[in-house]
Amino acid sequence: MARRVLGALLPFILASALVCCAWRHLARGAGYRRNVATVRRADGALADGRPVVALQLLAAAGEPGQERLGRLVVASRTPARWPALVDAAQAAGRDAREALASVLGRSPEESLCAAEVLAALGDPRGVEALGSALVQPSAEAHDPADLASLGAPSARALVNVARSRAPLAGKRAVALLGSLETPGAHQALLRLVSDRRFRHRAEALRAVCRCRNIPQQPQFAELLTDPDPAFRAEAAYQYGAVTGASALPALRKALRDPDPAVRVAVVEAAALIDGPEADALLIRALRDPEPRIVQRAVCSLGCRRCLAAESALVRLYPRAMPDLQRDIVTALNWIGSPLAPEYTRLWEEQTGRKLVLSSNWGR
């Protein structure tokens, strides 16, 4: 009985299944056609100068919309068009960002272009993808370093990568920010330098100090009191390198810093500055209790041929270690001191070695 009932129902079951399959196929086809029509409307909105509407339409157009969006972000990656695309994506809302995120899974070129837009918007998915591309660029996509040429939003994208948890990507982003000769990039670097929670502050300080035609210098006086000694050291060196002799009053104060790394940086900064005031700072550093600071000051005084340092070098010689004594004698020779022959003979007698003067000494 059951078999007869099943046999009677089977044709109806098969017919129903065929009808369902045909309906789904027709529905998919109709949906695809609707999405294609939506893409055409989006193209019309682009042509009419309504990019926000275009992005919203593409976000609602399924796979055809994703394909068109992938082509759009690639075509828009020019200095004239990219800032407008980023602004439109910001205004288009969450659905547009989700559509851009779907492009991350497409071709390497489309994926990187979408990542750059999303990173400029602060979307974590774009920040992560752009950071990875900065560290390991793909041979199948453009060089992500080109982002620096795309206008103001590029600074936002790079800042967001710099603040991410990926250290290598962060350093690379900071370096690229330093290559942007724009006020926005300069201000972004200054904000990063001032943020004590930012892990790449020293790199940001170096980057902003390398900028040409700096409209505003970092507040070095404040940076020299930073709690982080490594950052204070970088600030001391950059202060001397950027501002020259005007940094010397602050550098003289920093020569009393309790951290030896800061005092080493002060000596290296003073070595970049010409004039008797910088000479006096280096001579004063000869009294430092840290041997490497004294050694660096000796070499700097010799290389700059500071004859005013002669008496201080001679006083230092008796209590110096053998390697430092060699540097003192070499410095006396470099500055042309009349005492150089006498101390050369003394050192050679003490060590049983011949003093060899090298053009690379002290560098």
Protein backbone atom coordinates (compact mmCIF):
# COMPACT_ATOMS: atom_id res chain seq x y z
CA MET A 1 0.00 0.00 0.00
CA ALA A 2 2.73 2.42 0.98
CA ARG A 3 4.58 1.63 -2.22
CA ARG A 4 1.53 2.38 -4.32
CA VAL A 5 1.04 5.73 -2.51
CA LEU A 6 4.72 6.62 -2.93
CA GLY A 7 4.59 5.67 -6.59
CA ALA A 8 1.58 7.87 -7.08
CA LEU A 9 3.17 10.84 -5.30
CA LEU A 10 6.61 10.55 -6.86
CA PRO A 11 5.71 12.33 -10.12
CA PHE A 12 4.24 15.19 -8.13
CA ILE A 13 7.36 15.37 -5.93
CA LEU A 14 9.65 15.45 -8.96
CA ALA A 15 7.49 18.04 -10.66
CA SER A 16 7.52 20.21 -7.55
CA ALA A 17 11.31 19.96 -7.30
CA LEU A 18 11.69 20.98 -10.93
CA VAL A 19 9.35 23.91 -10.42
CA CYS A 20 11.33 25.04 -7.35
CA CYS A 21 14.65 24.80 -9.21
CA ALA A 22 13.24 26.69 -12.16
CA TRP A 23 11.83 29.34 -9.82
CA ARG A 24 15.13 29.79 -8.00
CA HIS A 25 16.93 30.04 -11.32
CA LEU A 26 14.48 32.62 -12.57
CA ALA A 27 14.72 34.53 -9.29
CA ARG A 28 18.51 34.55 -9.45
CA GLY A 29 18.37 35.69 -13.02
CA ALA A 30 15.90 38.42 -12.15
CA GLY A 31 18.04 39.45 -9.16
CA TYR A 32 21.15 39.56 -11.30
CA ARG A 33 19.36 41.69 -13.89
CA ARG A 34 18.17 44.04 -11.14
CA ASN A 35 21.74 44.33 -9.84
CA VAL A 36 23.05 45.06 -13.34
CA ALA A 37 20.42 47.73 -13.72
CA THR A 38 21.47 49.17 -10.35
CA VAL A 39 25.09 49.28 -11.53
CA ARG A 40 23.95 51.22 -14.61
CA ARG A 41 22.17 53.67 -12.33
CA ALA A 42 25.35 54.00 -10.29
CA ASP A 43 27.32 54.79 -13.45
CA GLY A 44 24.76 57.44 -14.24
CA ALA A 45 25.16 58.94 -10.79
CA LEU A 46 28.93 59.04 -11.28
CA ALA A 47 28.49 60.77 -14.61
CA ASP A 48 26.18 63.31 -12.95
CA GLY A 49 28.74 64.08 -10.25
CA ARG A 50 26.95 62.22 -7.44
CA PRO A 51 29.61 59.80 -6.14
CA VAL A 52 27.92 59.28 -2.76
CA VAL A 53 24.75 58.01 -4.45
CA ALA A 54 26.84 55.90 -6.81
CA LEU A 55 28.63 54.16 -3.94
CA GLN A 56 25.37 53.53 -2.12
CA LEU A 57 23.88 51.97 -5.27
CA LEU A 58 26.95 49.80 -5.86
CA ALA A 59 26.80 48.62 -2.24
CA ALA A 60 23.26 47.35 -2.92
CA ALA A 61 24.05 45.72 -6.28
CA GLY A 62 25.47 42.38 -5.12
CA GLU A 63 28.25 40.74 -7.11
CA PRO A 64 27.92 43.07 -10.13
CA GLY A 65 28.21 46.00 -7.73
CA GLN A 66 31.36 44.55 -6.17
CA GLU A 67 32.90 44.03 -9.59
CA ARG A 68 32.14 47.60 -10.60
CA LEU A 69 33.36 48.95 -7.27
CA GLY A 70 36.65 47.10 -7.70
CA ARG A 71 37.17 48.73 -11.09
CA LEU A 72 36.12 52.10 -9.69
CA VAL A 73 38.66 52.19 -6.84
CA VAL A 74 41.45 51.27 -9.26
CA ALA A 75 40.42 53.91 -11.80
CA SER A 76 40.05 56.55 -9.07
CA ARG A 77 43.56 56.12 -7.70
CA THR A 78 44.91 59.44 -9.04
CA PRO A 79 45.77 62.66 -7.18
CA ALA A 80 42.77 64.37 -8.80
CA ARG A 81 40.16 61.70 -8.04
CA TRP A 82 41.23 59.79 -4.93
CA PRO A 83 40.45 62.44 -2.28
CA ALA A 84 36.92 62.80 -3.68
CA LEU A 85 36.43 59.03 -3.58
CA VAL A 86 37.50 58.87 0.06
CA ASP A 87 35.15 61.72 1.00
CA ALA A 88 32.30 60.03 -0.88
CA ALA A 89 32.96 56.72 0.87
CA GLN A 90 32.88 58.51 4.22
CA ALA A 91 29.54 60.13 3.39
CA ALA A 92 28.02 57.00 1.83
CA GLY A 93 27.77 55.23 5.17
CA ARG A 94 28.31 51.77 6.59
CA ASP A 95 26.97 49.79 3.62
CA ALA A 96 29.50 51.44 1.31
CA ARG A 97 32.34 50.55 3.69
CA GLU A 98 31.13 46.96 3.82
CA ALA A 99 31.09 46.87 0.03
CA LEU A 100 34.65 48.22 -0.05
CA ALA A 101 35.64 45.54 2.47
CA SER A 102 34.27 42.90 0.09
CA VAL A 103 36.68 44.19 -2.58
CA LEU A 104 39.58 43.22 -0.27
CA GLY A 105 39.03 39.64 -1.43
CA ARG A 106 39.32 40.45 -5.13
CA SER A 107 42.47 40.91 -7.25
CA PRO A 108 45.66 42.21 -5.55
CA GLU A 109 45.36 45.60 -7.26
CA GLU A 110 41.70 46.05 -6.42
CA SER A 111 42.29 44.81 -2.89
CA LEU A 112 45.11 47.29 -2.23
CA CYS A 113 43.16 50.23 -3.67
CA ALA A 114 40.18 49.37 -1.46
CA ALA A 115 42.49 48.95 1.56
CA GLU A 116 43.89 52.45 1.03
CA VAL A 117 40.40 53.96 0.98
CA LEU A 118 39.30 52.01 4.05
CA ALA A 119 42.51 52.91 5.91
CA ALA A 120 41.84 56.59 5.23
CA LEU A 121 38.39 56.06 6.78
CA GLY A 122 39.94 54.38 9.84
CA ASP A 123 38.38 50.98 9.11
CA PRO A 124 40.48 48.31 10.91
CA ARG A 125 40.24 45.94 7.94
CA GLY A 126 41.74 48.49 5.60
CA VAL A 127 44.37 49.51 8.15
CA GLU A 128 45.50 45.91 8.56
CA ALA A 129 45.54 45.22 4.81
CA LEU A 130 47.45 48.41 3.99
CA GLY A 131 49.92 47.77 6.82
CA SER A 132 50.63 44.29 5.46
CA ALA A 133 51.14 45.73 1.98
CA LEU A 134 53.60 48.32 3.31
CA VAL A 135 55.69 45.58 4.89
CA GLN A 136 55.36 43.03 2.06
CA PRO A 137 54.33 44.70 -1.22
CA SER A 138 52.74 42.43 -3.82
CA ALA A 139 54.36 42.15 -7.24
CA GLU A 140 50.84 42.01 -8.70
CA ALA A 141 49.78 45.40 -7.31
CA HIS A 142 51.10 48.95 -7.31
CA ASP A 143 53.75 50.08 -4.83
CA PRO A 144 51.82 51.17 -1.71
CA ALA A 145 54.47 53.84 -1.10
CA ASP A 146 52.83 55.72 -4.00
CA LEU A 147 50.05 56.54 -1.57
CA ALA A 148 52.11 59.55 -0.50
CA SER A 149 51.27 61.28 -3.79
CA LEU A 150 47.47 61.01 -3.55
CA GLY A 151 46.62 64.08 -1.50
CA ALA A 152 45.38 64.91 1.99
CA PRO A 153 43.53 61.66 2.82
CA SER A 154 46.79 59.75 2.39
CA ALA A 155 48.06 61.33 5.61
CA ARG A 156 45.00 60.01 7.46
CA ALA A 157 45.51 56.52 6.06
CA LEU A 158 49.18 56.51 7.06
CA VAL A 159 48.48 57.86 10.54
CA ASN A 160 45.93 55.10 11.09
CA VAL A 161 48.50 52.49 10.03
CA ALA A 162 51.15 54.15 12.20
CA ARG A 163 48.88 53.83 15.23
CA SER A 164 48.10 50.19 14.54
CA ARG A 165 49.57 47.31 16.51
CA ALA A 166 51.85 46.21 13.67
CA PRO A 167 55.28 47.68 14.54
CA LEU A 168 56.98 47.26 11.17
CA ALA A 169 53.99 48.67 9.30
CA GLY A 170 53.85 51.55 11.78
CA LYS A 171 57.47 52.52 11.19
CA ARG A 172 57.00 52.31 7.44
CA ALA A 173 53.91 54.51 7.64
CA VAL A 174 55.77 57.13 9.68
CA ALA A 175 58.59 57.20 7.13
CA LEU A 176 56.09 57.73 4.31
CA LEU A 177 54.43 60.53 6.26
CA GLY A 178 57.80 62.24 6.40
CA SER A 179 57.98 62.16 2.60
CA LEU A 180 54.70 64.07 2.26
CA GLU A 181 55.50 67.74 1.72
CA THR A 182 52.07 68.89 2.89
CA PRO A 183 50.92 70.84 5.94
CA GLY A 184 48.52 68.05 6.83
CA ALA A 185 51.28 65.45 6.98
CA HIS A 186 53.50 67.80 8.98
CA GLN A 187 50.76 68.47 11.52
CA ALA A 188 50.01 64.74 11.73
CA LEU A 189 53.64 64.01 12.55
CA LEU A 190 53.69 66.72 15.23
CA ARG A 191 50.61 65.18 16.84
CA LEU A 192 52.27 61.77 16.83
CA VAL A 193 55.41 63.24 18.40
CA SER A 194 53.32 64.82 21.17
CA ASP A 195 51.45 61.60 21.93
CA ARG A 196 53.38 59.80 24.66
CA ARG A 197 51.38 56.63 24.05
CA PHE A 198 52.56 56.42 20.44
CA ARG A 199 55.21 53.72 20.16
CA HIS A 200 57.09 55.25 17.20
CA ARG A 201 57.58 58.76 18.57
CA ALA A 202 61.31 58.81 17.88
CA GLU A 203 60.75 57.83 14.26
CA ALA A 204 58.04 60.50 13.95
CA LEU A 205 60.40 63.12 15.36
CA ARG A 206 63.12 62.17 12.89
CA ALA A 207 60.59 62.26 10.07
CA VAL A 208 59.26 65.71 10.91
CA CYS A 209 62.76 67.08 11.31
CA ARG A 210 63.69 65.79 7.84
CA CYS A 211 60.83 67.74 6.26
CA ARG A 212 62.01 70.58 4.07
CA ASN A 213 60.70 74.09 4.66
CA ILE A 214 59.27 73.14 8.04
CA PRO A 215 56.41 75.55 8.76
CA GLN A 216 56.45 74.72 12.47
CA GLN A 217 59.19 73.07 14.49
CA PRO A 218 58.54 70.60 17.31
CA GLN A 219 58.48 72.05 20.83
CA PHE A 220 61.96 70.82 21.66
CA ALA A 221 62.03 72.46 25.08
CA GLU A 222 59.11 70.26 26.13
CA LEU A 223 60.50 67.17 24.43
CA LEU A 224 63.76 67.45 26.37
CA THR A 225 61.82 66.88 29.61
CA ASP A 226 60.02 63.78 28.35
CA PRO A 227 59.93 60.84 30.82
CA ASP A 228 61.40 58.47 28.21
CA PRO A 229 65.21 58.84 28.16
CA ALA A 230 65.53 57.31 24.69
CA PHE A 231 63.10 59.90 23.36
CA ARG A 232 64.90 62.71 25.23
CA ALA A 233 68.11 61.58 23.55
CA GLU A 234 66.52 61.72 20.10
CA ALA A 235 65.04 65.13 20.87
CA ALA A 236 68.42 66.48 21.99
CA TYR A 237 70.15 65.30 18.83
CA GLN A 238 67.40 66.58 16.53
CA TYR A 239 67.31 69.93 18.33
CA GLY A 240 70.96 70.53 17.55
CA ALA A 241 70.69 69.17 14.03
CA VAL A 242 67.64 71.29 13.13
CA THR A 243 68.19 74.59 14.94
CA GLY A 244 71.98 74.81 15.26
CA ALA A 245 73.50 77.31 17.68
CA SER A 246 70.13 78.39 19.09
CA ALA A 247 69.85 74.94 20.67
CA LEU A 248 73.03 75.30 22.71
CA PRO A 249 71.45 76.76 25.90
CA ALA A 250 69.08 73.80 26.11
CA LEU A 251 71.85 71.36 25.21
CA ARG A 252 74.06 72.70 28.01
CA LYS A 253 71.24 71.99 30.43
CA ALA A 254 70.67 68.56 28.92
CA LEU A 255 74.34 67.72 29.48
CA ARG A 256 73.34 67.31 33.15
CA ASP A 257 70.68 64.73 32.29
CA PRO A 258 70.93 61.65 34.54
CA ASP A 259 70.71 59.27 31.58
CA PRO A 260 74.02 58.71 29.72
CA ALA A 261 72.24 58.16 26.40
CA VAL A 262 70.89 61.70 26.54
CA ARG A 263 74.34 63.14 27.29
CA VAL A 264 75.83 61.17 24.39
CA ALA A 265 73.18 62.65 22.11
CA VAL A 266 74.02 66.15 23.42
CA VAL A 267 77.67 65.66 22.50
CA GLU A 268 76.76 64.37 19.05
CA ALA A 269 74.42 67.31 18.51
CA ALA A 270 77.05 69.81 19.64
CA ALA A 271 79.51 68.26 17.21
CA LEU A 272 77.19 69.35 14.37
CA ILE A 273 77.28 73.01 15.46
CA ASP A 274 80.11 75.37 14.57
CA GLY A 275 81.51 78.04 16.85
CA PRO A 276 83.28 78.55 20.19
CA GLU A 277 80.10 78.00 22.25
CA ALA A 278 79.74 74.48 20.87
CA ASP A 279 83.47 73.95 21.47
CA ALA A 280 82.97 74.97 25.11
CA LEU A 281 80.14 72.48 25.54
CA LEU A 282 82.30 69.66 24.17
CA ILE A 283 85.20 70.64 26.44
CA ARG A 284 82.83 70.60 29.39
CA ALA A 285 81.75 67.06 28.40
CA LEU A 286 85.34 65.89 29.02
CA ARG A 287 84.47 65.97 32.75
CA ASP A 288 81.56 63.55 32.36
CA PRO A 289 81.79 60.37 34.51
CA GLU A 290 80.64 58.20 31.58
CA PRO A 291 83.68 57.00 29.52
CA ARG A 292 81.84 56.76 26.20
CA ILE A 293 80.70 60.38 26.52
CA VAL A 294 84.24 61.53 27.20
CA GLN A 295 85.55 59.47 24.29
CA ARG A 296 82.95 60.95 21.94
CA ALA A 297 83.80 64.48 23.09
CA VAL A 298 87.52 63.86 22.56
CA CYS A 299 86.96 62.63 19.03
CA SER A 300 84.61 65.52 18.23
CA LEU A 301 87.11 68.09 19.49
CA GLY A 302 89.87 66.50 17.45
CA CYS A 303 87.83 66.30 14.26
CA ARG A 304 86.80 69.96 14.53
CA ARG A 305 90.45 70.90 15.21
CA CYS A 306 89.59 72.78 18.38
CA LEU A 307 92.89 74.15 19.66
CA ALA A 308 91.07 75.62 22.67
CA ALA A 309 90.65 72.06 23.95
CA GLU A 310 94.42 71.45 24.21
CA SER A 311 94.80 72.12 27.95
CA ALA A 312 91.69 70.11 28.86
CA LEU A 313 92.91 67.15 26.81
CA VAL A 314 96.34 67.29 28.45
CA ARG A 315 94.79 67.35 31.94
CA LEU A 316 92.62 64.38 31.06
CA TYR A 317 95.48 62.22 29.74
CA PRO A 318 97.01 60.98 33.07
CA ARG A 319 93.75 59.57 34.44
CA ALA A 320 92.44 58.15 31.15
CA MET A 321 92.36 54.49 30.18
CA PRO A 322 94.80 53.35 27.45
CA ASP A 323 92.26 53.46 24.60
CA LEU A 324 91.14 56.92 25.60
CA GLN A 325 94.77 58.04 25.91
CA ARG A 326 95.27 56.98 22.30
CA ASP A 327 92.27 59.09 21.25
CA ILE A 328 93.58 62.06 23.24
CA VAL A 329 96.95 61.88 21.53
CA THR A 330 95.28 61.50 18.15
CA ALA A 331 93.09 64.54 18.89
CA LEU A 332 96.17 66.59 19.81
CA ASN A 333 97.69 65.65 16.46
CA TRP A 334 94.51 66.53 14.57
CA ILE A 335 94.19 69.98 16.15
CA GLY A 336 97.84 70.70 15.44
CA SER A 337 98.81 71.13 19.09
CA PRO A 338 102.50 71.93 19.74
CA LEU A 339 102.28 69.27 22.47
CA ALA A 340 101.29 66.54 20.02
CA PRO A 341 104.85 65.21 19.37
CA GLU A 342 105.59 65.01 23.10
CA TYR A 343 102.43 63.09 23.94
CA THR A 344 102.82 60.87 20.89
CA ARG A 345 106.26 59.77 22.13
CA LEU A 346 104.90 59.29 25.66
CA TRP A 347 102.02 57.10 24.46
CA GLU A 348 104.29 55.03 22.18
CA GLU A 349 106.74 54.46 25.04
CA GLN A 350 103.94 53.43 27.40
CA THR A 351 102.30 51.01 24.98
CA GLY A 352 105.19 49.86 22.83
CA ARG A 353 103.06 50.59 19.77
CA LYS A 354 103.27 53.03 16.89
CA LEU A 355 100.55 55.68 16.70
CA VAL A 356 98.88 55.54 13.30
CA LEU A 357 96.73 58.50 12.29
CA SER A 358 93.71 57.57 10.18
CA SER A 359 91.52 59.87 8.10
CA ASN A 360 88.49 57.90 9.38
CA TRP A 361 89.32 58.46 13.03
CA GLY A 362 86.48 59.84 15.14
CA ARG A 363 83.81 59.22 12.52
